[in-house]
N, C-alpha and C. Protein backbone atom coordinates (compact mmCIF):
# COMPACT_ATOMS: atom_id res chain seq x y z
N MET A 1 -167.80 -185.49 22.30
CA MET A 1 -167.11 -185.54 21.01
C MET A 1 -165.61 -185.53 21.24
N PRO A 2 -164.86 -186.27 20.45
CA PRO A 2 -163.42 -186.26 20.63
C PRO A 2 -162.82 -184.93 20.20
N ASN A 3 -161.71 -184.60 20.83
CA ASN A 3 -161.01 -183.38 20.49
C ASN A 3 -160.44 -183.50 19.07
N LYS A 4 -160.56 -182.46 18.30
CA LYS A 4 -160.05 -182.47 16.93
C LYS A 4 -158.98 -181.40 16.82
N LYS A 5 -158.08 -181.59 15.87
CA LYS A 5 -157.06 -180.57 15.63
C LYS A 5 -157.72 -179.26 15.26
N THR A 6 -157.09 -178.16 15.65
CA THR A 6 -157.69 -176.87 15.36
C THR A 6 -157.17 -176.28 14.04
N LYS A 7 -156.07 -176.75 13.54
CA LYS A 7 -155.50 -176.19 12.31
C LYS A 7 -155.88 -177.07 11.13
N VAL A 8 -156.72 -176.54 10.25
CA VAL A 8 -157.11 -177.26 9.06
C VAL A 8 -156.05 -176.99 7.99
N PRO A 9 -155.43 -178.03 7.45
CA PRO A 9 -154.41 -177.79 6.43
C PRO A 9 -155.02 -177.19 5.16
N PHE A 10 -154.21 -176.38 4.48
CA PHE A 10 -154.64 -175.77 3.23
C PHE A 10 -154.81 -176.88 2.19
N ARG A 11 -155.96 -176.88 1.52
CA ARG A 11 -156.27 -177.94 0.55
C ARG A 11 -156.58 -177.37 -0.83
N GLY A 12 -155.86 -176.33 -1.21
CA GLY A 12 -156.08 -175.74 -2.52
C GLY A 12 -155.66 -176.68 -3.63
N THR A 13 -156.36 -176.61 -4.75
CA THR A 13 -156.06 -177.46 -5.89
C THR A 13 -155.31 -176.66 -6.95
N PRO A 14 -154.60 -177.36 -7.85
CA PRO A 14 -153.95 -176.65 -8.96
C PRO A 14 -154.96 -175.87 -9.82
N GLU A 15 -156.17 -176.40 -9.94
CA GLU A 15 -157.21 -175.72 -10.72
C GLU A 15 -157.62 -174.40 -10.06
N GLN A 16 -157.72 -174.42 -8.73
CA GLN A 16 -158.06 -173.19 -8.02
C GLN A 16 -156.95 -172.16 -8.19
N GLU A 17 -155.70 -172.60 -8.08
CA GLU A 17 -154.59 -171.66 -8.23
C GLU A 17 -154.56 -171.08 -9.64
N GLN A 18 -154.82 -171.90 -10.62
CA GLN A 18 -154.85 -171.43 -12.01
C GLN A 18 -155.97 -170.39 -12.19
N GLU A 19 -157.13 -170.67 -11.61
CA GLU A 19 -158.25 -169.72 -11.68
C GLU A 19 -157.90 -168.41 -10.99
N LEU A 20 -157.25 -168.51 -9.82
CA LEU A 20 -156.84 -167.32 -9.07
C LEU A 20 -155.85 -166.48 -9.88
N ARG A 21 -154.83 -167.11 -10.41
CA ARG A 21 -153.81 -166.37 -11.17
C ARG A 21 -154.40 -165.73 -12.43
N ALA A 22 -155.30 -166.41 -13.10
CA ALA A 22 -155.95 -165.86 -14.30
C ALA A 22 -156.80 -164.64 -13.93
N MET A 23 -157.52 -164.75 -12.81
CA MET A 23 -158.37 -163.65 -12.37
C MET A 23 -157.52 -162.44 -11.97
N ILE A 24 -156.41 -162.68 -11.29
CA ILE A 24 -155.53 -161.57 -10.90
C ILE A 24 -154.96 -160.90 -12.15
N ALA A 25 -154.53 -161.69 -13.12
CA ALA A 25 -153.98 -161.13 -14.36
C ALA A 25 -155.01 -160.23 -15.05
N GLU A 26 -156.27 -160.63 -14.99
CA GLU A 26 -157.34 -159.87 -15.62
C GLU A 26 -157.62 -158.54 -14.90
N LEU A 27 -157.49 -158.53 -13.57
CA LEU A 27 -157.88 -157.35 -12.79
C LEU A 27 -156.74 -156.47 -12.31
N LYS A 28 -155.50 -156.96 -12.35
CA LYS A 28 -154.42 -156.28 -11.63
C LYS A 28 -154.09 -154.88 -12.12
N ASP A 29 -154.41 -154.55 -13.34
CA ASP A 29 -154.08 -153.22 -13.85
C ASP A 29 -155.16 -152.18 -13.55
N GLN A 30 -156.25 -152.60 -12.96
CA GLN A 30 -157.31 -151.67 -12.59
C GLN A 30 -156.95 -151.01 -11.26
N GLY A 31 -157.29 -149.74 -11.12
CA GLY A 31 -157.06 -149.05 -9.86
C GLY A 31 -157.90 -149.68 -8.76
N GLY A 32 -157.34 -149.81 -7.57
CA GLY A 32 -158.07 -150.39 -6.44
C GLY A 32 -158.43 -151.84 -6.63
N ALA A 33 -157.56 -152.59 -7.32
CA ALA A 33 -157.86 -153.98 -7.66
C ALA A 33 -157.80 -154.94 -6.47
N LEU A 34 -157.11 -154.55 -5.39
CA LEU A 34 -156.91 -155.49 -4.30
C LEU A 34 -158.23 -156.01 -3.71
N MET A 35 -159.16 -155.12 -3.42
CA MET A 35 -160.43 -155.55 -2.81
C MET A 35 -161.20 -156.53 -3.71
N PRO A 36 -161.44 -156.20 -4.98
CA PRO A 36 -162.17 -157.16 -5.81
C PRO A 36 -161.40 -158.47 -6.00
N ILE A 37 -160.07 -158.40 -6.03
CA ILE A 37 -159.28 -159.62 -6.16
C ILE A 37 -159.44 -160.49 -4.91
N LEU A 38 -159.39 -159.88 -3.75
CA LEU A 38 -159.57 -160.66 -2.52
C LEU A 38 -160.99 -161.23 -2.43
N GLN A 39 -161.97 -160.46 -2.86
CA GLN A 39 -163.35 -160.98 -2.86
C GLN A 39 -163.48 -162.19 -3.77
N LYS A 40 -162.91 -162.09 -4.96
CA LYS A 40 -162.98 -163.22 -5.89
C LYS A 40 -162.13 -164.40 -5.42
N ALA A 41 -160.99 -164.11 -4.80
CA ALA A 41 -160.14 -165.18 -4.26
C ALA A 41 -160.90 -165.94 -3.17
N GLN A 42 -161.60 -165.20 -2.31
CA GLN A 42 -162.39 -165.87 -1.27
C GLN A 42 -163.51 -166.68 -1.90
N GLY A 43 -164.05 -166.21 -3.01
CA GLY A 43 -165.07 -166.97 -3.73
C GLY A 43 -164.52 -168.28 -4.27
N ILE A 44 -163.27 -168.28 -4.69
CA ILE A 44 -162.64 -169.48 -5.22
C ILE A 44 -162.34 -170.49 -4.12
N TYR A 45 -161.77 -170.01 -3.02
CA TYR A 45 -161.31 -170.90 -1.95
C TYR A 45 -162.26 -171.01 -0.76
N GLY A 46 -163.16 -170.04 -0.61
CA GLY A 46 -164.06 -170.03 0.55
C GLY A 46 -163.49 -169.26 1.73
N TYR A 47 -162.22 -168.91 1.66
CA TYR A 47 -161.54 -168.13 2.69
C TYR A 47 -160.21 -167.65 2.12
N LEU A 48 -159.43 -166.90 2.92
CA LEU A 48 -158.18 -166.33 2.42
C LEU A 48 -156.99 -166.81 3.26
N PRO A 49 -156.57 -168.05 3.06
CA PRO A 49 -155.41 -168.55 3.80
C PRO A 49 -154.14 -167.81 3.36
N ILE A 50 -153.10 -167.91 4.17
CA ILE A 50 -151.85 -167.22 3.88
C ILE A 50 -151.29 -167.63 2.52
N GLU A 51 -151.50 -168.86 2.12
CA GLU A 51 -151.01 -169.33 0.81
C GLU A 51 -151.62 -168.52 -0.33
N VAL A 52 -152.89 -168.20 -0.21
CA VAL A 52 -153.59 -167.40 -1.23
C VAL A 52 -153.13 -165.95 -1.15
N GLN A 53 -152.99 -165.43 0.07
CA GLN A 53 -152.53 -164.05 0.23
C GLN A 53 -151.14 -163.86 -0.38
N LYS A 54 -150.27 -164.86 -0.26
CA LYS A 54 -148.92 -164.77 -0.84
C LYS A 54 -148.99 -164.69 -2.37
N ILE A 55 -149.87 -165.46 -2.96
CA ILE A 55 -150.02 -165.42 -4.43
C ILE A 55 -150.50 -164.03 -4.85
N VAL A 56 -151.49 -163.50 -4.14
CA VAL A 56 -152.01 -162.17 -4.45
C VAL A 56 -150.89 -161.13 -4.32
N SER A 57 -150.14 -161.22 -3.25
CA SER A 57 -149.02 -160.30 -3.01
C SER A 57 -148.00 -160.35 -4.14
N GLU A 58 -147.60 -161.56 -4.51
CA GLU A 58 -146.60 -161.73 -5.57
C GLU A 58 -147.11 -161.21 -6.91
N GLU A 59 -148.33 -161.59 -7.25
CA GLU A 59 -148.89 -161.22 -8.55
C GLU A 59 -149.14 -159.71 -8.67
N LEU A 60 -149.54 -159.09 -7.57
CA LEU A 60 -149.79 -157.64 -7.60
C LEU A 60 -148.53 -156.83 -7.30
N ARG A 61 -147.48 -157.53 -6.88
CA ARG A 61 -146.22 -156.88 -6.50
C ARG A 61 -146.44 -155.84 -5.40
N ILE A 62 -147.19 -156.27 -4.39
CA ILE A 62 -147.39 -155.43 -3.21
C ILE A 62 -146.99 -156.25 -1.99
N PRO A 63 -146.62 -155.58 -0.90
CA PRO A 63 -146.18 -156.33 0.29
C PRO A 63 -147.28 -157.23 0.84
N LEU A 64 -146.87 -158.41 1.30
CA LEU A 64 -147.80 -159.35 1.92
C LEU A 64 -148.52 -158.68 3.10
N GLU A 65 -147.82 -157.80 3.80
CA GLU A 65 -148.42 -157.10 4.94
C GLU A 65 -149.64 -156.29 4.52
N GLU A 66 -149.60 -155.70 3.33
CA GLU A 66 -150.73 -154.92 2.83
C GLU A 66 -151.92 -155.84 2.54
N VAL A 67 -151.65 -156.97 1.91
CA VAL A 67 -152.71 -157.93 1.61
C VAL A 67 -153.33 -158.44 2.91
N TYR A 68 -152.47 -158.80 3.85
CA TYR A 68 -152.93 -159.29 5.15
C TYR A 68 -153.72 -158.21 5.89
N GLY A 69 -153.26 -156.98 5.84
CA GLY A 69 -153.96 -155.87 6.50
C GLY A 69 -155.38 -155.71 5.99
N VAL A 70 -155.56 -155.76 4.69
CA VAL A 70 -156.90 -155.63 4.10
C VAL A 70 -157.73 -156.87 4.44
N SER A 71 -157.11 -158.05 4.38
CA SER A 71 -157.81 -159.30 4.65
C SER A 71 -158.33 -159.37 6.09
N THR A 72 -157.61 -158.75 7.01
CA THR A 72 -158.02 -158.81 8.41
C THR A 72 -158.87 -157.61 8.83
N PHE A 73 -158.79 -156.52 8.08
CA PHE A 73 -159.54 -155.32 8.45
C PHE A 73 -161.04 -155.46 8.16
N TYR A 74 -161.37 -156.03 7.02
CA TYR A 74 -162.76 -156.11 6.60
C TYR A 74 -163.41 -157.41 7.07
N SER A 75 -164.56 -157.29 7.72
CA SER A 75 -165.21 -158.47 8.30
C SER A 75 -165.75 -159.43 7.24
N GLN A 76 -165.85 -159.00 6.00
CA GLN A 76 -166.34 -159.90 4.95
C GLN A 76 -165.32 -161.00 4.62
N PHE A 77 -164.07 -160.79 5.02
CA PHE A 77 -163.03 -161.77 4.72
C PHE A 77 -162.78 -162.69 5.90
N SER A 78 -162.47 -163.93 5.60
CA SER A 78 -162.15 -164.90 6.63
C SER A 78 -160.79 -165.51 6.32
N LEU A 79 -159.95 -165.61 7.35
CA LEU A 79 -158.64 -166.25 7.18
C LEU A 79 -158.71 -167.74 7.45
N ASN A 80 -159.84 -168.19 7.94
CA ASN A 80 -160.02 -169.60 8.26
C ASN A 80 -161.18 -170.17 7.45
N PRO A 81 -161.09 -171.46 7.13
CA PRO A 81 -162.20 -172.06 6.38
C PRO A 81 -163.46 -172.11 7.23
N LYS A 82 -164.58 -172.17 6.59
CA LYS A 82 -165.86 -172.30 7.27
C LYS A 82 -166.34 -173.73 7.11
N GLY A 83 -166.93 -174.25 8.18
CA GLY A 83 -167.41 -175.62 8.17
C GLY A 83 -168.74 -175.77 7.46
N GLU A 84 -169.09 -177.02 7.26
CA GLU A 84 -170.39 -177.36 6.68
C GLU A 84 -171.51 -176.78 7.55
N ASN A 85 -171.29 -176.79 8.86
CA ASN A 85 -172.25 -176.22 9.81
C ASN A 85 -171.61 -175.01 10.48
N LYS A 86 -172.13 -173.84 10.16
CA LYS A 86 -171.57 -172.59 10.69
C LYS A 86 -172.30 -172.21 11.97
N ILE A 87 -171.55 -172.24 13.08
CA ILE A 87 -172.13 -171.91 14.38
C ILE A 87 -171.77 -170.47 14.71
N SER A 88 -172.77 -169.71 15.10
CA SER A 88 -172.57 -168.33 15.51
C SER A 88 -173.26 -168.13 16.85
N VAL A 89 -172.48 -167.74 17.85
CA VAL A 89 -173.03 -167.51 19.18
C VAL A 89 -173.08 -166.00 19.42
N CYS A 90 -174.25 -165.53 19.83
CA CYS A 90 -174.40 -164.10 20.11
C CYS A 90 -173.74 -163.77 21.44
N LEU A 91 -172.82 -162.83 21.40
CA LEU A 91 -172.19 -162.33 22.62
C LEU A 91 -172.56 -160.88 22.87
N GLY A 92 -173.69 -160.46 22.29
CA GLY A 92 -174.22 -159.13 22.54
C GLY A 92 -174.66 -159.02 24.00
N THR A 93 -174.96 -157.83 24.44
CA THR A 93 -175.22 -157.58 25.86
C THR A 93 -176.30 -158.48 26.45
N ALA A 94 -177.48 -158.53 25.84
CA ALA A 94 -178.57 -159.32 26.40
C ALA A 94 -178.19 -160.79 26.50
N CYS A 95 -177.60 -161.33 25.46
CA CYS A 95 -177.21 -162.74 25.47
C CYS A 95 -176.07 -163.00 26.45
N TYR A 96 -175.11 -162.10 26.48
CA TYR A 96 -173.97 -162.30 27.36
C TYR A 96 -174.39 -162.30 28.83
N VAL A 97 -175.26 -161.37 29.18
CA VAL A 97 -175.75 -161.28 30.56
C VAL A 97 -176.48 -162.56 30.95
N LYS A 98 -177.13 -163.19 29.97
CA LYS A 98 -177.89 -164.42 30.24
C LYS A 98 -177.05 -165.69 30.09
N GLY A 99 -175.73 -165.55 29.82
CA GLY A 99 -174.86 -166.72 29.85
C GLY A 99 -174.33 -167.22 28.53
N SER A 100 -174.38 -166.42 27.47
CA SER A 100 -173.90 -166.92 26.19
C SER A 100 -172.39 -167.18 26.19
N GLY A 101 -171.66 -166.48 27.05
CA GLY A 101 -170.22 -166.74 27.14
C GLY A 101 -169.95 -168.18 27.58
N ASN A 102 -170.77 -168.70 28.49
CA ASN A 102 -170.62 -170.08 28.94
C ASN A 102 -171.00 -171.07 27.84
N VAL A 103 -172.01 -170.73 27.05
CA VAL A 103 -172.41 -171.57 25.92
C VAL A 103 -171.27 -171.61 24.90
N TYR A 104 -170.70 -170.45 24.62
CA TYR A 104 -169.58 -170.33 23.67
C TYR A 104 -168.40 -171.19 24.14
N GLU A 105 -168.07 -171.10 25.41
CA GLU A 105 -166.97 -171.90 25.97
C GLU A 105 -167.26 -173.39 25.85
N ARG A 106 -168.50 -173.79 26.08
CA ARG A 106 -168.86 -175.21 26.01
C ARG A 106 -168.73 -175.73 24.57
N ILE A 107 -169.13 -174.92 23.61
CA ILE A 107 -169.00 -175.33 22.20
C ILE A 107 -167.53 -175.51 21.86
N GLN A 108 -166.69 -174.58 22.29
CA GLN A 108 -165.25 -174.69 22.04
C GLN A 108 -164.70 -175.98 22.62
N LYS A 109 -165.12 -176.30 23.84
CA LYS A 109 -164.66 -177.52 24.51
C LYS A 109 -165.15 -178.76 23.76
N GLU A 110 -166.41 -178.78 23.39
CA GLU A 110 -167.00 -179.94 22.72
C GLU A 110 -166.35 -180.21 21.36
N LEU A 111 -166.08 -179.13 20.61
CA LEU A 111 -165.54 -179.28 19.26
C LEU A 111 -164.01 -179.27 19.21
N GLY A 112 -163.38 -178.82 20.30
CA GLY A 112 -161.92 -178.76 20.32
C GLY A 112 -161.36 -177.67 19.43
N ILE A 113 -162.14 -176.61 19.24
CA ILE A 113 -161.68 -175.47 18.43
C ILE A 113 -161.94 -174.19 19.20
N LYS A 114 -161.33 -173.11 18.71
CA LYS A 114 -161.57 -171.78 19.27
C LYS A 114 -162.43 -171.00 18.30
N GLY A 115 -162.92 -169.86 18.77
CA GLY A 115 -163.69 -169.00 17.89
C GLY A 115 -162.89 -168.63 16.65
N GLY A 116 -163.54 -168.63 15.50
CA GLY A 116 -162.89 -168.32 14.24
C GLY A 116 -162.27 -169.52 13.57
N GLU A 117 -162.32 -170.68 14.23
CA GLU A 117 -161.70 -171.88 13.68
C GLU A 117 -162.73 -172.86 13.14
N CYS A 118 -162.20 -173.89 12.51
CA CYS A 118 -163.01 -174.93 11.89
C CYS A 118 -162.47 -176.28 12.33
N THR A 119 -163.36 -177.23 12.54
CA THR A 119 -162.90 -178.57 12.90
C THR A 119 -162.17 -179.18 11.71
N GLU A 120 -161.25 -180.07 12.00
CA GLU A 120 -160.43 -180.67 10.95
C GLU A 120 -161.27 -181.39 9.90
N ASP A 121 -162.38 -181.98 10.32
CA ASP A 121 -163.24 -182.70 9.38
C ASP A 121 -164.15 -181.75 8.58
N MET A 122 -163.98 -180.45 8.82
CA MET A 122 -164.74 -179.41 8.12
C MET A 122 -166.25 -179.47 8.41
N LYS A 123 -166.62 -180.14 9.49
CA LYS A 123 -168.03 -180.29 9.84
C LYS A 123 -168.58 -179.03 10.51
N PHE A 124 -167.75 -178.38 11.38
CA PHE A 124 -168.21 -177.22 12.13
C PHE A 124 -167.19 -176.08 12.09
N SER A 125 -167.70 -174.86 12.05
CA SER A 125 -166.87 -173.69 12.31
C SER A 125 -167.62 -172.86 13.35
N LEU A 126 -166.86 -172.09 14.11
CA LEU A 126 -167.44 -171.34 15.23
C LEU A 126 -167.03 -169.89 15.17
N ASP A 127 -168.01 -169.02 15.31
CA ASP A 127 -167.76 -167.59 15.38
C ASP A 127 -168.68 -166.97 16.43
N ALA A 128 -168.27 -165.82 16.92
CA ALA A 128 -169.12 -165.03 17.81
C ALA A 128 -169.71 -163.90 16.99
N CYS A 129 -170.88 -163.45 17.38
CA CYS A 129 -171.47 -162.28 16.73
C CYS A 129 -172.01 -161.36 17.82
N ARG A 130 -172.44 -160.19 17.45
CA ARG A 130 -172.87 -159.21 18.43
C ARG A 130 -174.38 -159.17 18.64
N CYS A 131 -175.17 -159.51 17.66
CA CYS A 131 -176.62 -159.53 17.86
C CYS A 131 -177.28 -160.22 16.68
N VAL A 132 -178.20 -161.13 16.98
CA VAL A 132 -178.96 -161.76 15.91
C VAL A 132 -180.40 -161.26 15.90
N GLY A 133 -180.71 -160.31 16.79
CA GLY A 133 -182.04 -159.73 16.81
C GLY A 133 -183.08 -160.60 17.52
N ALA A 134 -182.61 -161.49 18.38
CA ALA A 134 -183.53 -162.36 19.11
C ALA A 134 -183.27 -162.23 20.61
N CYS A 135 -183.16 -161.01 21.07
CA CYS A 135 -182.78 -160.75 22.47
C CYS A 135 -183.74 -161.37 23.46
N GLY A 136 -185.00 -161.50 23.11
CA GLY A 136 -185.98 -162.10 23.99
C GLY A 136 -185.76 -163.59 24.21
N LEU A 137 -184.94 -164.20 23.35
CA LEU A 137 -184.62 -165.62 23.47
C LEU A 137 -183.23 -165.86 24.08
N ALA A 138 -182.62 -164.81 24.59
CA ALA A 138 -181.24 -164.89 25.07
C ALA A 138 -181.07 -165.99 26.12
N PRO A 139 -179.90 -166.64 26.08
CA PRO A 139 -178.81 -166.56 25.10
C PRO A 139 -179.12 -167.36 23.84
N VAL A 140 -178.60 -166.87 22.72
CA VAL A 140 -178.94 -167.41 21.41
C VAL A 140 -177.69 -167.83 20.64
N MET A 141 -177.84 -168.93 19.90
CA MET A 141 -176.83 -169.30 18.91
C MET A 141 -177.57 -169.71 17.64
N MET A 142 -176.86 -169.61 16.54
CA MET A 142 -177.39 -170.07 15.26
C MET A 142 -176.46 -171.13 14.72
N ILE A 143 -177.04 -172.16 14.14
CA ILE A 143 -176.28 -173.13 13.36
C ILE A 143 -176.89 -173.07 11.98
N ASN A 144 -176.09 -172.60 11.05
CA ASN A 144 -176.56 -172.28 9.70
C ASN A 144 -177.69 -171.28 9.84
N GLU A 145 -178.91 -171.61 9.47
CA GLU A 145 -180.01 -170.66 9.56
C GLU A 145 -180.93 -170.95 10.75
N GLU A 146 -180.64 -172.00 11.51
CA GLU A 146 -181.51 -172.39 12.61
C GLU A 146 -181.11 -171.68 13.91
N VAL A 147 -182.10 -171.08 14.57
CA VAL A 147 -181.86 -170.34 15.80
C VAL A 147 -182.18 -171.22 17.01
N TYR A 148 -181.28 -171.21 17.98
CA TYR A 148 -181.48 -171.91 19.25
C TYR A 148 -181.46 -170.87 20.36
N GLY A 149 -182.52 -170.80 21.13
CA GLY A 149 -182.61 -169.79 22.17
C GLY A 149 -182.79 -170.37 23.55
N ARG A 150 -182.63 -169.48 24.54
CA ARG A 150 -182.72 -169.83 25.96
C ARG A 150 -181.82 -171.03 26.27
N LEU A 151 -180.61 -170.96 25.78
CA LEU A 151 -179.65 -172.07 25.88
C LEU A 151 -178.97 -172.15 27.23
N THR A 152 -178.58 -173.36 27.56
CA THR A 152 -177.67 -173.59 28.68
C THR A 152 -176.50 -174.38 28.12
N PRO A 153 -175.35 -174.30 28.74
CA PRO A 153 -174.20 -175.07 28.25
C PRO A 153 -174.47 -176.57 28.17
N ASP A 154 -175.29 -177.10 29.05
CA ASP A 154 -175.58 -178.54 29.05
C ASP A 154 -176.38 -178.99 27.83
N GLU A 155 -177.03 -178.08 27.13
CA GLU A 155 -177.80 -178.43 25.92
C GLU A 155 -176.90 -178.56 24.68
N VAL A 156 -175.70 -178.00 24.76
CA VAL A 156 -174.81 -177.94 23.59
C VAL A 156 -174.51 -179.32 22.99
N PRO A 157 -174.09 -180.32 23.77
CA PRO A 157 -173.75 -181.62 23.15
C PRO A 157 -174.91 -182.23 22.35
N LYS A 158 -176.11 -182.15 22.88
CA LYS A 158 -177.28 -182.72 22.19
C LYS A 158 -177.55 -181.98 20.88
N ILE A 159 -177.44 -180.66 20.91
CA ILE A 159 -177.67 -179.87 19.69
C ILE A 159 -176.61 -180.19 18.65
N LEU A 160 -175.35 -180.24 19.05
CA LEU A 160 -174.27 -180.54 18.11
C LEU A 160 -174.42 -181.94 17.52
N ALA A 161 -174.90 -182.88 18.31
CA ALA A 161 -175.08 -184.25 17.85
C ALA A 161 -176.04 -184.33 16.66
N LYS A 162 -177.03 -183.43 16.62
CA LYS A 162 -177.98 -183.41 15.49
C LYS A 162 -177.26 -183.15 14.17
N TYR A 163 -176.15 -182.44 14.22
CA TYR A 163 -175.43 -182.05 13.01
C TYR A 163 -174.23 -182.97 12.72
N SER A 164 -173.97 -183.88 13.62
CA SER A 164 -172.80 -184.75 13.48
C SER A 164 -173.10 -186.03 12.72
N ALA A 165 -174.36 -186.34 12.56
CA ALA A 165 -174.76 -187.61 11.92
C ALA A 165 -174.37 -187.66 10.46
């Protein structure tokens, strides 16, 4: 597969921004509003890019650093968009010992992205996880809901090709 840019440009629409600002106006006077606002913002955009965090910061009149801190602290939030095909490679002990680190590296090479990133065409995103509960199949990766076990790095291109069509 050809190398793709790793930085997906922000593609927010005026309608999304209007929805975000209306939602913030509705919730901002409630105590502890930041978490529900970030959850709803991620629901609108699918992730929390810096452009969205700045709007939240301005509208709530809180420092951008605080918004960023919450956005990066909680694993439910993502600062990067997710692809149509979400790849998750288990780097838990059993999988790692059996070579999942090499599988993870091969996926990064094939897609031209790093962990936590999305391909420019929004086809794939890649993340690592700690355990999918399939240790007997180690090393394991998931693409969306499909589990691939007993992987070798050489199998990666063929598996990815199934999702590229």
